[in-house]
C-alpha atoms as a PDB file:
ATOM      1  CA  MET A   1       1.205   5.836  -3.713  1.00  0.00           C
ATOM      2  CA  PRO A   2      -0.754   4.484  -2.242  1.00  0.00           C
ATOM      3  CA  GLU A   3       1.286   3.176   0.769  1.00  0.00           C
ATOM      4  CA  LEU A   4       0.519   1.497   4.107  1.00  0.00           C
ATOM      5  CA  PRO A   5      -1.485   4.393   5.742  1.00  0.00           C
ATOM      6  CA  GLU A   6      -3.518   4.968   2.599  1.00  0.00           C
ATOM      7  CA  VAL A   7      -4.363   1.238   2.237  1.00  0.00           C
ATOM      8  CA  GLU A   8      -5.315   0.958   5.883  1.00  0.00           C
ATOM      9  CA  SER A   9      -7.398   3.936   5.501  1.00  0.00           C
ATOM     10  CA  VAL A  10      -9.145   2.120   2.497  1.00  0.00           C
ATOM     11  CA  ARG A  11      -9.685  -0.867   4.578  1.00  0.00           C
ATOM     12  CA  ARG A  12     -11.390   1.052   7.485  1.00  0.00           C
ATOM     13  CA  SER A  13     -13.536   3.074   5.379  1.00  0.00           C
ATOM     14  CA  LEU A  14     -14.612  -0.429   3.574  1.00  0.00           C
ATOM     15  CA  VAL A  15     -15.340  -2.511   6.692  1.00  0.00           C
ATOM     16  CA  PRO A  16     -18.786  -1.188   7.577  1.00  0.00           C
ATOM     17  CA  TRP A  17     -19.926  -1.791   4.015  1.00  0.00           C
ATOM     18  CA  ILE A  18     -18.332  -5.177   2.919  1.00  0.00           C
ATOM     19  CA  VAL A  19     -17.673  -7.344   6.068  1.00  0.00           C
ATOM     20  CA  GLY A  20     -20.954  -9.542   6.308  1.00  0.00           C
ATOM     21  CA  ALA A  21     -21.951  -8.554   2.685  1.00  0.00           C
ATOM     22  CA  ARG A  22     -23.273 -11.073   0.208  1.00  0.00           C
ATOM     23  CA  VAL A  23     -21.750 -10.782  -3.187  1.00  0.00           C
ATOM     24  CA  LEU A  24     -24.486 -11.064  -5.843  1.00  0.00           C
ATOM     25  CA  GLY A  25     -22.526 -10.643  -8.897  1.00  0.00           C
ATOM     26  CA  VAL A  26     -19.520  -9.085 -10.715  1.00  0.00           C
ATOM     27  CA  ASN A  27     -18.801  -7.375 -13.972  1.00  0.00           C
ATOM     28  CA  VAL A  28     -15.335  -7.639 -15.040  1.00  0.00           C
ATOM     29  CA  ARG A  29     -14.636  -5.129 -17.693  1.00  0.00           C
ATOM     30  CA  ARG A  30     -10.855  -5.610 -18.057  1.00  0.00           C
ATOM     31  CA  GLY A  31      -9.841  -9.190 -17.435  1.00  0.00           C
ATOM     32  CA  ASP A  32      -5.915  -8.598 -17.519  1.00  0.00           C
ATOM     33  CA  VAL A  33      -6.067  -6.846 -14.074  1.00  0.00           C
ATOM     34  CA  ILE A  34      -6.906 -10.377 -12.486  1.00  0.00           C
ATOM     35  CA  THR A  35      -4.411 -12.970 -11.985  1.00  0.00           C
ATOM     36  CA  HIS A  36      -4.105 -16.408 -10.015  1.00  0.00           C
ATOM     37  CA  GLY A  37      -1.629 -16.674  -7.147  1.00  0.00           C
ATOM     38  CA  GLN A  38       0.611 -13.358  -7.512  1.00  0.00           C
ATOM     39  CA  LEU A  39       0.338 -10.001  -9.263  1.00  0.00           C
ATOM     40  CA  ARG A  40       1.718 -10.298 -12.883  1.00  0.00           C
ATOM     41  CA  ARG A  41       3.885  -7.237 -13.708  1.00  0.00           C
ATOM     42  CA  ARG A  42       2.641  -5.351 -16.982  1.00  0.00           C
ATOM     43  CA  SER A  43       3.962  -2.465 -18.775  1.00  0.00           C
ATOM     44  CA  ALA A  44       1.654   0.633 -18.555  1.00  0.00           C
ATOM     45  CA  GLY A  45      -0.747   0.732 -21.420  1.00  0.00           C
ATOM     46  CA  ALA A  46      -0.199  -2.848 -22.297  1.00  0.00           C
ATOM     47  CA  ARG A  47      -3.221  -5.300 -22.496  1.00  0.00           C
ATOM     48  CA  ASP A  48      -3.088  -8.894 -22.030  1.00  0.00           C
ATOM     49  CA  ASP A  49      -6.333 -10.760 -21.597  1.00  0.00           C
ATOM     50  CA  ARG A  50      -4.741 -14.105 -21.641  1.00  0.00           C
ATOM     51  CA  GLY A  51      -6.275 -16.463 -18.983  1.00  0.00           C
ATOM     52  CA  ALA A  52      -9.467 -14.096 -18.449  1.00  0.00           C
ATOM     53  CA  GLN A  53     -11.872 -16.463 -19.976  1.00  0.00           C
ATOM     54  CA  ALA A  54     -10.821 -18.972 -17.207  1.00  0.00           C
ATOM     55  CA  ILE A  55     -11.988 -16.751 -14.380  1.00  0.00           C
ATOM     56  CA  THR A  56     -15.440 -17.666 -13.088  1.00  0.00           C
ATOM     57  CA  PRO A  57     -17.836 -15.626 -11.131  1.00  0.00           C
ATOM     58  CA  SER A  58     -17.061 -17.791  -8.013  1.00  0.00           C
ATOM     59  CA  ASP A  59     -13.392 -16.990  -8.320  1.00  0.00           C
ATOM     60  CA  LEU A  60     -14.317 -13.544  -7.710  1.00  0.00           C
ATOM     61  CA  LEU A  61     -16.570 -14.511  -4.597  1.00  0.00           C
ATOM     62  CA  VAL A  62     -20.110 -14.379  -6.241  1.00  0.00           C
ATOM     63  CA  GLY A  63     -22.436 -16.359  -4.153  1.00  0.00           C
ATOM     64  CA  THR A  64     -20.305 -16.060  -0.936  1.00  0.00           C
ATOM     65  CA  THR A  65     -20.388 -13.769   2.223  1.00  0.00           C
ATOM     66  CA  ILE A  66     -17.303 -11.691   2.886  1.00  0.00           C
ATOM     67  CA  VAL A  67     -16.103 -12.506   6.452  1.00  0.00           C
ATOM     68  CA  GLN A  68     -12.589 -10.917   6.491  1.00  0.00           C
ATOM     69  CA  LEU A  69     -11.056  -7.855   5.440  1.00  0.00           C
ATOM     70  CA  VAL A  70      -7.419  -7.539   6.359  1.00  0.00           C
ATOM     71  CA  ARG A  71      -4.220  -5.583   5.200  1.00  0.00           C
ATOM     72  CA  ARG A  72      -0.673  -6.624   4.885  1.00  0.00           C
ATOM     73  CA  GLY A  73       1.547  -4.008   3.867  1.00  0.00           C
ATOM     74  CA  LYS A  74       0.141  -2.258   0.889  1.00  0.00           C
ATOM     75  CA  GLN A  75      -2.453  -5.219   0.093  1.00  0.00           C
ATOM     76  CA  LEU A  76      -5.992  -5.918   1.038  1.00  0.00           C
ATOM     77  CA  LEU A  77      -7.342  -9.350   1.471  1.00  0.00           C
ATOM     78  CA  LEU A  78     -11.098 -10.108   1.122  1.00  0.00           C
ATOM     79  CA  GLY A  79     -11.805 -13.395   2.633  1.00  0.00           C
ATOM     80  CA  ALA A  80     -15.113 -15.245   2.045  1.00  0.00           C
ATOM     81  CA  ASP A  81     -17.098 -17.928   3.955  1.00  0.00           C
ATOM     82  CA  SER A  82     -16.194 -20.299   0.988  1.00  0.00           C
ATOM     83  CA  GLY A  83     -12.436 -20.220   1.715  1.00  0.00           C
ATOM     84  CA  ARG A  84     -11.860 -18.333  -1.291  1.00  0.00           C
ATOM     85  CA  GLY A  85     -10.478 -14.796  -1.319  1.00  0.00           C
ATOM     86  CA  ILE A  86      -9.194 -12.061  -3.256  1.00  0.00           C
ATOM     87  CA  VAL A  87      -6.276  -9.792  -2.650  1.00  0.00           C
ATOM     88  CA  ILE A  88      -6.690  -6.200  -4.058  1.00  0.00           C
ATOM     89  CA  HIS A  89      -3.128  -4.346  -4.805  1.00  0.00           C
ATOM     90  CA  LEU A  90      -3.544  -0.560  -5.482  1.00  0.00           C
ATOM     91  CA  GLY A  91      -0.356  -0.351  -7.217  1.00  0.00           C
ATOM     92  CA  MET A  92       0.325   3.374  -8.178  1.00  0.00           C
ATOM     93  CA  SER A  93      -3.024   4.739  -8.995  1.00  0.00           C
ATOM     94  CA  GLY A  94      -5.478   1.909  -7.787  1.00  0.00           C
ATOM     95  CA  GLN A  95      -8.856   2.861  -5.954  1.00  0.00           C
ATOM     96  CA  VAL A  96     -11.611   0.818  -4.148  1.00  0.00           C
ATOM     97  CA  ARG A  97     -14.648   2.649  -4.009  1.00  0.00           C
ATOM     98  CA  ILE A  98     -18.254   2.140  -2.651  1.00  0.00           C
ATOM     99  CA  ALA A  99     -21.107   3.277  -4.635  1.00  0.00           C
ATOM    100  CA  ALA A 100     -24.822   3.422  -3.674  1.00  0.00           C
ATOM    101  CA  GLU A 101     -25.790   2.279  -7.213  1.00  0.00           C
ATOM    102  CA  MET A 102     -24.136   0.650 -10.280  1.00  0.00           C
ATOM    103  CA  PRO A 103     -22.580   3.469 -12.239  1.00  0.00           C
ATOM    104  CA  THR A 104     -24.069   3.677 -15.687  1.00  0.00           C
ATOM    105  CA  PRO A 105     -21.782   3.644 -17.718  1.00  0.00           C
ATOM    106  CA  PRO A 106     -18.651   2.810 -15.536  1.00  0.00           C
ATOM    107  CA  GLY A 107     -15.575   5.050 -15.559  1.00  0.00           C
ATOM    108  CA  GLN A 108     -13.052   4.377 -18.139  1.00  0.00           C
ATOM    109  CA  HIS A 109     -10.821   3.087 -15.737  1.00  0.00           C
ATOM    110  CA  THR A 110     -13.037   1.090 -13.817  1.00  0.00           C
ATOM    111  CA  HIS A 111     -12.040  -2.591 -14.378  1.00  0.00           C
ATOM    112  CA  VAL A 112     -14.119  -4.657 -11.934  1.00  0.00           C
ATOM    113  CA  LEU A 113     -17.490  -3.929 -10.180  1.00  0.00           C
ATOM    114  CA  TRP A 114     -19.009  -6.256  -7.411  1.00  0.00           C
ATOM    115  CA  SER A 115     -22.607  -6.138  -6.693  1.00  0.00           C
ATOM    116  CA  LEU A 116     -23.205  -6.547  -2.723  1.00  0.00           C
ATOM    117  CA  GLU A 117     -26.029  -6.923  -0.516  1.00  0.00           C
ATOM    118  CA  THR A 118     -25.171  -5.323   2.878  1.00  0.00           C
ATOM    119  CA  ARG A 119     -26.946  -4.844   6.047  1.00  0.00           C
ATOM    120  CA  VAL A 120     -28.233  -1.433   4.949  1.00  0.00           C
ATOM    121  CA  GLY A 121     -29.011  -2.269   1.342  1.00  0.00           C
ATOM    122  CA  ALA A 122     -27.374  -2.823  -1.992  1.00  0.00           C
ATOM    123  CA  CYS A 123     -24.330  -1.175  -3.137  1.00  0.00           C
ATOM    124  CA  THR A 124     -21.351  -1.574  -5.606  1.00  0.00           C
ATOM    125  CA  MET A 125     -17.731  -1.924  -4.819  1.00  0.00           C
ATOM    126  CA  LEU A 126     -15.376  -0.942  -7.813  1.00  0.00           C
ATOM    127  CA  PHE A 127     -11.804  -1.289  -8.690  1.00  0.00           C
ATOM    128  CA  ASP A 128     -10.336   1.576 -10.557  1.00  0.00           C
ATOM    129  CA  ASP A 129      -6.683   1.702 -11.781  1.00  0.00           C
ATOM    130  CA  PRO A 130      -5.891   4.292 -14.455  1.00  0.00           C
ATOM    131  CA  ARG A 131      -2.157   3.127 -14.624  1.00  0.00           C
ATOM    132  CA  ARG A 132      -2.769  -0.634 -14.149  1.00  0.00           C
ATOM    133  CA  PHE A 133       0.215  -1.406 -11.814  1.00  0.00           C
ATOM    134  CA  GLY A 134      -2.020  -2.765  -9.547  1.00  0.00           C
ATOM    135  CA  GLY A 135      -4.588  -5.656  -9.637  1.00  0.00           C
ATOM    136  CA  VAL A 136      -6.819  -8.060  -8.289  1.00  0.00           C
ATOM    137  CA  ILE A 137      -5.303 -11.654  -7.167  1.00  0.00           C
ATOM    138  CA  LEU A 138      -7.431 -14.700  -6.878  1.00  0.00           C
ATOM    139  CA  VAL A 139      -6.822 -16.707  -3.692  1.00  0.00           C
ATOM    140  CA  ASP A 140      -7.969 -20.327  -3.437  1.00  0.00           C
ATOM    141  CA  ASP A 141      -7.568 -20.544   0.366  1.00  0.00           C
ATOM    142  CA  TRP A 142      -7.414 -17.131   2.072  1.00  0.00           C
ATOM    143  CA  ALA A 143      -6.319 -18.893   5.388  1.00  0.00           C
ATOM    144  CA  ARG A 144      -3.135 -20.107   3.877  1.00  0.00           C
ATOM    145  CA  ILE A 145      -2.229 -16.683   2.286  1.00  0.00           C
ATOM    146  CA  GLU A 146       1.068 -16.243   4.218  1.00  0.00           C
ATOM    147  CA  ALA A 147       2.275 -19.217   2.309  1.00  0.00           C
ATOM    148  CA  GLY A 148       0.979 -18.063  -1.231  1.00  0.00           C
ATOM    149  CA  ALA A 149       0.274 -14.433  -2.474  1.00  0.00           C
ATOM    150  CA  TRP A 150       2.072 -12.967   0.663  1.00  0.00           C
ATOM    151  CA  ARG A 151       4.917 -15.362   0.951  1.00  0.00           C
ATOM    152  CA  GLY A 152       7.436 -12.680  -0.203  1.00  0.00           C
ATOM    153  CA  LEU A 153       6.466  -9.952   2.202  1.00  0.00           C
ATOM    154  CA  GLY A 154       8.443  -9.047   5.161  1.00  0.00           C
ATOM    155  CA  PRO A 155       6.811  -7.968   8.570  1.00  0.00           C
ATOM    156  CA  ASP A 156       4.159  -5.483   8.374  1.00  0.00           C
ATOM    157  CA  ALA A 157       5.802  -2.066   8.870  1.00  0.00           C
ATOM    158  CA  LEU A 158       3.079  -0.702  11.185  1.00  0.00           C
ATOM    159  CA  THR A 159       4.125  -3.136  13.820  1.00  0.00           C
ATOM    160  CA  ALA A 160       7.990  -3.591  12.828  1.00  0.00           C
ATOM    161  CA  THR A 161      10.637  -3.825  15.164  1.00  0.00           C
ATOM    162  CA  GLY A 162      14.043  -2.754  15.277  1.00  0.00           C
ATOM    163  CA  ALA A 163      15.105  -6.652  15.541  1.00  0.00           C
ATOM    164  CA  ALA A 164      12.958  -7.163  12.272  1.00  0.00           C
ATOM    165  CA  LEU A 165      14.557  -4.284  10.359  1.00  0.00           C
ATOM    166  CA  ALA A 166      18.079  -5.216  11.512  1.00  0.00           C
ATOM    167  CA  GLU A 167      17.450  -8.900  10.155  1.00  0.00           C
ATOM    168  CA  GLY A 168      16.141  -7.558   6.849  1.00  0.00           C
ATOM    169  CA  ILE A 169      19.042  -5.342   6.076  1.00  0.00           C
ATOM    170  CA  ARG A 170      22.018  -7.054   7.652  1.00  0.00           C
ATOM    171  CA  GLY A 171      25.267  -6.916   5.758  1.00  0.00           C
ATOM    172  CA  GLN A 172      23.905  -5.021   2.882  1.00  0.00           C
ATOM    173  CA  ARG A 173      25.751  -2.263   1.331  1.00  0.00           C
ATOM    174  CA  ARG A 174      22.667  -0.538  -0.503  1.00  0.00           C
ATOM    175  CA  ALA A 175      21.127   2.548   0.794  1.00  0.00           C
ATOM    176  CA  ILE A 176      18.696   2.408   3.618  1.00  0.00           C
ATOM    177  CA  LYS A 177      16.063   4.120   1.582  1.00  0.00           C
ATOM    178  CA  VAL A 178      16.384   1.267  -1.057  1.00  0.00           C
ATOM    179  CA  ALA A 179      15.956  -1.332   1.597  1.00  0.00           C
ATOM    180  CA  LEU A 180      12.810   0.519   3.114  1.00  0.00           C
ATOM    181  CA  LEU A 181      11.228   0.441  -0.563  1.00  0.00           C
ATOM    182  CA  ASP A 182      11.906  -3.451  -0.554  1.00  0.00           C
ATOM    183  CA  GLN A 183       8.578  -5.045   0.480  1.00  0.00           C
ATOM    184  CA  SER A 184      10.384  -8.217   1.722  1.00  0.00           C
ATOM    185  CA  VAL A 185      12.288  -6.191   4.285  1.00  0.00           C
ATOM    186  CA  LEU A 186       9.081  -4.341   5.585  1.00  0.00           C
ATOM    187  CA  ALA A 187       5.881  -4.487   3.960  1.00  0.00           C
ATOM    188  CA  GLY A 188       4.137  -1.181   3.628  1.00  0.00           C
ATOM    189  CA  VAL A 189       6.694   1.384   3.283  1.00  0.00           C
ATOM    190  CA  GLY A 190       6.964   3.547   0.042  1.00  0.00           C
ATOM    191  CA  ASN A 191       8.628   6.683  -1.021  1.00  0.00           C
ATOM    192  CA  ILE A 192       6.622   8.914   1.159  1.00  0.00           C
ATOM    193  CA  TYR A 193       7.007   7.352   4.482  1.00  0.00           C
ATOM    194  CA  ALA A 194      10.501   6.336   3.941  1.00  0.00           C
ATOM    195  CA  ASP A 195      11.648   9.788   3.497  1.00  0.00           C
ATOM    196  CA  GLU A 196       9.474  11.005   6.445  1.00  0.00           C
ATOM    197  CA  ALA A 197      10.673   8.253   8.713  1.00  0.00           C
ATOM    198  CA  CYS A 198      14.395   9.030   7.747  1.00  0.00           C
ATOM    199  CA  CYS A 199      13.868  12.624   8.538  1.00  0.00           C
ATOM    200  CA  ARG A 200      12.290  11.855  11.927  1.00  0.00           C
ATOM    201  CA  ALA A 201      15.222   9.571  12.758  1.00  0.00           C
ATOM    202  CA  GLY A 202      17.809  11.952  11.725  1.00  0.00           C
ATOM    203  CA  VAL A 203      19.047   9.477   9.265  1.00  0.00           C
ATOM    204  CA  ASP A 204      20.310  10.399   5.650  1.00  0.00           C
ATOM    205  CA  PRO A 205      18.452   8.040   3.414  1.00  0.00           C
ATOM    206  CA  ARG A 206      21.553   7.435   1.422  1.00  0.00           C
ATOM    207  CA  THR A 207      23.305   5.718   4.140  1.00  0.00           C
ATOM    208  CA  PRO A 208      24.413   2.206   3.623  1.00  0.00           C
ATOM    209  CA  CYS A 209      22.524  -0.446   5.481  1.00  0.00           C
ATOM    210  CA  VAL A 210      25.889  -1.869   6.856  1.00  0.00           C
ATOM    211  CA  ARG A 211      26.469   1.363   8.855  1.00  0.00           C
ATOM    212  CA  PHE A 212      23.246   0.640  11.106  1.00  0.00           C
ATOM    213  CA  THR A 213      23.891  -0.890  14.411  1.00  0.00           C
ATOM    214  CA  ASP A 214      20.863  -2.555  16.494  1.00  0.00           C
ATOM    215  CA  ALA A 215      20.209   0.664  18.233  1.00  0.00           C
ATOM    216  CA  GLY A 216      20.120   2.597  15.064  1.00  0.00           C
ATOM    217  CA  CYS A 217      17.678   0.095  13.579  1.00  0.00           C
ATOM    218  CA  GLU A 218      15.646   0.307  16.717  1.00  0.00           C
ATOM    219  CA  LEU A 219      15.422   4.104  16.451  1.00  0.00           C
ATOM    220  CA  LEU A 220      14.455   4.082  12.681  1.00  0.00           C
ATOM    221  CA  ALA A 221      11.734   1.364  13.280  1.00  0.00           C
ATOM    222  CA  LYS A 222      10.363   3.481  16.036  1.00  0.00           C
ATOM    223  CA  HIS A 223       9.845   6.446  13.846  1.00  0.00           C
ATOM    224  CA  ILE A 224       8.467   4.168  11.033  1.00  0.00           C
ATOM    225  CA  ARG A 225       5.817   2.872  13.243  1.00  0.00           C
ATOM    226  CA  GLU A 226       5.103   6.593  14.611  1.00  0.00           C
ATOM    227  CA  VAL A 227       5.059   8.176  11.174  1.00  0.00           C
ATOM    228  CA  LEU A 228       2.609   5.477   9.842  1.00  0.00           C
ATOM    229  CA  ALA A 229       0.302   5.600  12.734  1.00  0.00           C
ATOM    230  CA  GLU A 230       0.084   9.293  12.620  1.00  0.00           C
ATOM    231  CA  ALA A 231      -0.833   9.250   8.755  1.00  0.00           C
ATOM    232  CA  ILE A 232      -3.564   6.550   9.398  1.00  0.00           C
ATOM    233  CA  ALA A 233      -4.970   8.898  12.029  1.00  0.00           C
ATOM    234  CA  LEU A 234      -5.368  11.524   9.252  1.00  0.00           C
ATOM    235  CA  GLY A 235      -6.599   9.245   6.572  1.00  0.00           C
ATOM    236  CA  GLY A 236      -3.330   8.994   4.680  1.00  0.00           C
ATOM    237  CA  SER A 237      -1.546  11.493   2.374  1.00  0.00           C
ATOM    238  CA  THR A 238      -3.520  12.574  -0.654  1.00  0.00           C
ATOM    239  CA  VAL A 239      -1.027  13.018  -3.247  1.00  0.00           C
ATOM    240  CA  GLY A 240      -2.819  13.111  -6.750  1.00  0.00           C
ATOM    241  CA  THR A 241      -5.935  11.376  -6.575  1.00  0.00           C
ATOM    242  CA  TYR A 242      -5.931   9.163  -3.727  1.00  0.00           C
ATOM    243  CA  ALA A 243      -9.161   9.010  -1.788  1.00  0.00           C
ATOM    244  CA  ASP A 244     -10.575   6.232   0.801  1.00  0.00           C
ATOM    245  CA  ALA A 245     -13.467   4.141  -0.395  1.00  0.00           C
ATOM    246  CA  GLN A 246     -15.936   6.827   0.546  1.00  0.00           C
ATOM    247  CA  GLY A 247     -14.154   9.507  -1.435  1.00  0.00           C
ATOM    248  CA  ARG A 248     -12.595  11.388   1.543  1.00  0.00           C
ATOM    249  CA  ALA A 249      -9.113  12.538   1.025  1.00  0.00           C
ATOM    250  CA  GLY A 250      -6.290  12.233   3.444  1.00  0.00           C
ATOM    251  CA  SER A 251      -4.713  15.096   5.369  1.00  0.00           C
ATOM    252  CA  PHE A 252      -1.375  13.956   6.370  1.00  0.00           C
ATOM    253  CA  SER A 253       0.208  15.349   3.341  1.00  0.00           C
ATOM    254  CA  ASP A 254      -0.204  18.750   5.053  1.00  0.00           C
ATOM    255  CA  ARG A 255       2.412  17.590   7.728  1.00  0.00           C
ATOM    256  CA  HIS A 256       5.061  16.353   5.181  1.00  0.00           C
ATOM    257  CA  ALA A 257       8.449  17.554   6.605  1.00  0.00           C
ATOM    258  CA  VAL A 258      10.532  16.401   3.426  1.00  0.00           C
ATOM    259  CA  TYR A 259       8.544  14.510   0.840  1.00  0.00           C
ATOM    260  CA  GLY A 260       7.819  16.715  -1.951  1.00  0.00           C
ATOM    261  CA  ARG A 261       9.644  19.831  -0.550  1.00  0.00           C
ATOM    262  CA  ALA A 262      12.851  19.900  -2.305  1.00  0.00           C
ATOM    263  CA  GLY A 263      14.390  23.022  -2.469  1.00  0.00           C
ATOM    264  CA  GLN A 264      12.196  24.451   0.308  1.00  0.00           C
ATOM    265  CA  GLU A 265      13.292  25.297   3.905  1.00  0.00           C
ATOM    266  CA  CYS A 266      13.840  22.602   6.503  1.00  0.00           C
ATOM    267  CA  LEU A 267      10.905  22.929   9.088  1.00  0.00           C
ATOM    268  CA  THR A 268      13.474  22.411  11.853  1.00  0.00           C
ATOM    269  CA  CYS A 269      16.676  24.217  11.038  1.00  0.00           C
ATOM    270  CA  GLY A 270      15.702  26.463   7.851  1.00  0.00           C
ATOM    271  CA  ARG A 271      18.410  25.045   5.727  1.00  0.00           C
ATOM    272  CA  VAL A 272      17.338  24.304   2.126  1.00  0.00           C
ATOM    273  CA  LEU A 273      16.398  20.760   1.620  1.00  0.00           C
ATOM    274  CA  ARG A 274      18.361  18.620  -0.711  1.00  0.00           C
ATOM    275  CA  SER A 275      17.144  15.962  -3.105  1.00  0.00           C
ATOM    276  CA  ALA A 276      18.642  13.212  -5.176  1.00  0.00           C
ATOM    277  CA  VAL A 277      17.419  10.179  -7.125  1.00  0.00           C
ATOM    278  CA  VAL A 278      17.696   6.980  -4.996  1.00  0.00           C
ATOM    279  CA  ALA A 279      16.121   3.664  -6.216  1.00  0.00           C
ATOM    280  CA  GLY A 280      14.566   5.468  -9.093  1.00  0.00           C
ATOM    281  CA  ARG A 281      12.513   7.697  -6.580  1.00  0.00           C
ATOM    282  CA  THR A 282      13.122  11.341  -5.847  1.00  0.00           C
ATOM    283  CA  THR A 283      14.544  11.562  -2.251  1.00  0.00           C
ATOM    284  CA  VAL A 284      14.576  14.589  -0.014  1.00  0.00           C
ATOM    285  CA  TRP A 285      16.328  15.276   3.219  1.00  0.00           C
ATOM    286  CA  CYS A 286      17.987  17.871   5.322  1.00  0.00           C
ATOM    287  CA  GLN A 287      21.723  17.587   5.048  1.00  0.00           C
ATOM    288  CA  ALA A 288      22.058  19.517   8.448  1.00  0.00           C
ATOM    289  CA  CYS A 289      19.314  17.535  10.353  1.00  0.00           C
ATOM    290  CA  GLN A 290      20.009  14.034   8.936  1.00  0.00           C
ATOM    291  CA  GLY A 291      23.391  12.875   9.608  1.00  0.00           C
ATOM    292  CA  ARG A 292      24.706   9.457   8.885  1.00  0.00           C
ATOM    293  CA  ALA A 293      26.190   9.093  12.412  1.00  0.00           C
ATOM    294  CA  ARG A 294      22.668   8.614  13.692  1.00  0.00           C
ATOM    295  CA  ALA A 295      22.538   5.179  12.006  1.00  0.00           C
ATOM    296  CA  ARG A 296      24.634   4.050  14.953  1.00  0.00           C
ATOM    297  CA  GLY A 297      21.708   5.090  17.396  1.00  0.00           C
END
């Protein structure tokens, strides 16, 4: 959390406020959430302000106008008319919020605040991240981001094809759930939507990738696209604290067929849903409805 549908919902809720907005100022309350070029991995609770003093207001788009707000996988790019940009990665607990006024004092986990002048007046954009697995990535040239901060990302999962999935998992013996969580295979799928897509495709999430035929990949990719699109239409899944930039919760969590439902009845056949840890994540499936044979299409 948040995954592609949640990040896309945040993007859509931000667009009316920040595209065309002038960045008047920035308040960096915790410099170690900001990095150059790529997200630096840190341990929860650790603090590292090295390099924070080298960050200038212009690095964080002060004095520019935001002209682009695009998403790739789970990441948001804000591109400015100067050519500079920032990528916001929400990690496990990150949020981007819009407030009509600068909060005084800012919240404990509010790390960066931007003052904006929009078509409808002034507002503040805030980046919060209690667990700090996300961050803000500085981009020197957002037009070249595919060769920079997004170089390691696979095709966006919302438009993923069976051919792209087949290419990403070819010859691998790891479980399909593990591959779906790998952002270099498809960008945007996490624990929730991997489980939900496998359920819809009738695929056991523990199935080795090598068992998937081209037809099986096409079937799974189809259900990945469908479940992501449905989740976006409902504002994503609110599990824990997720909300979009205007504080609205997502309601797709009401439609989860397997995620978070271990030990409950399958909505299709009534059997008790099973669970196991796959790739360090709790994974839920129906043994009756999700047969490994479906990997062959």
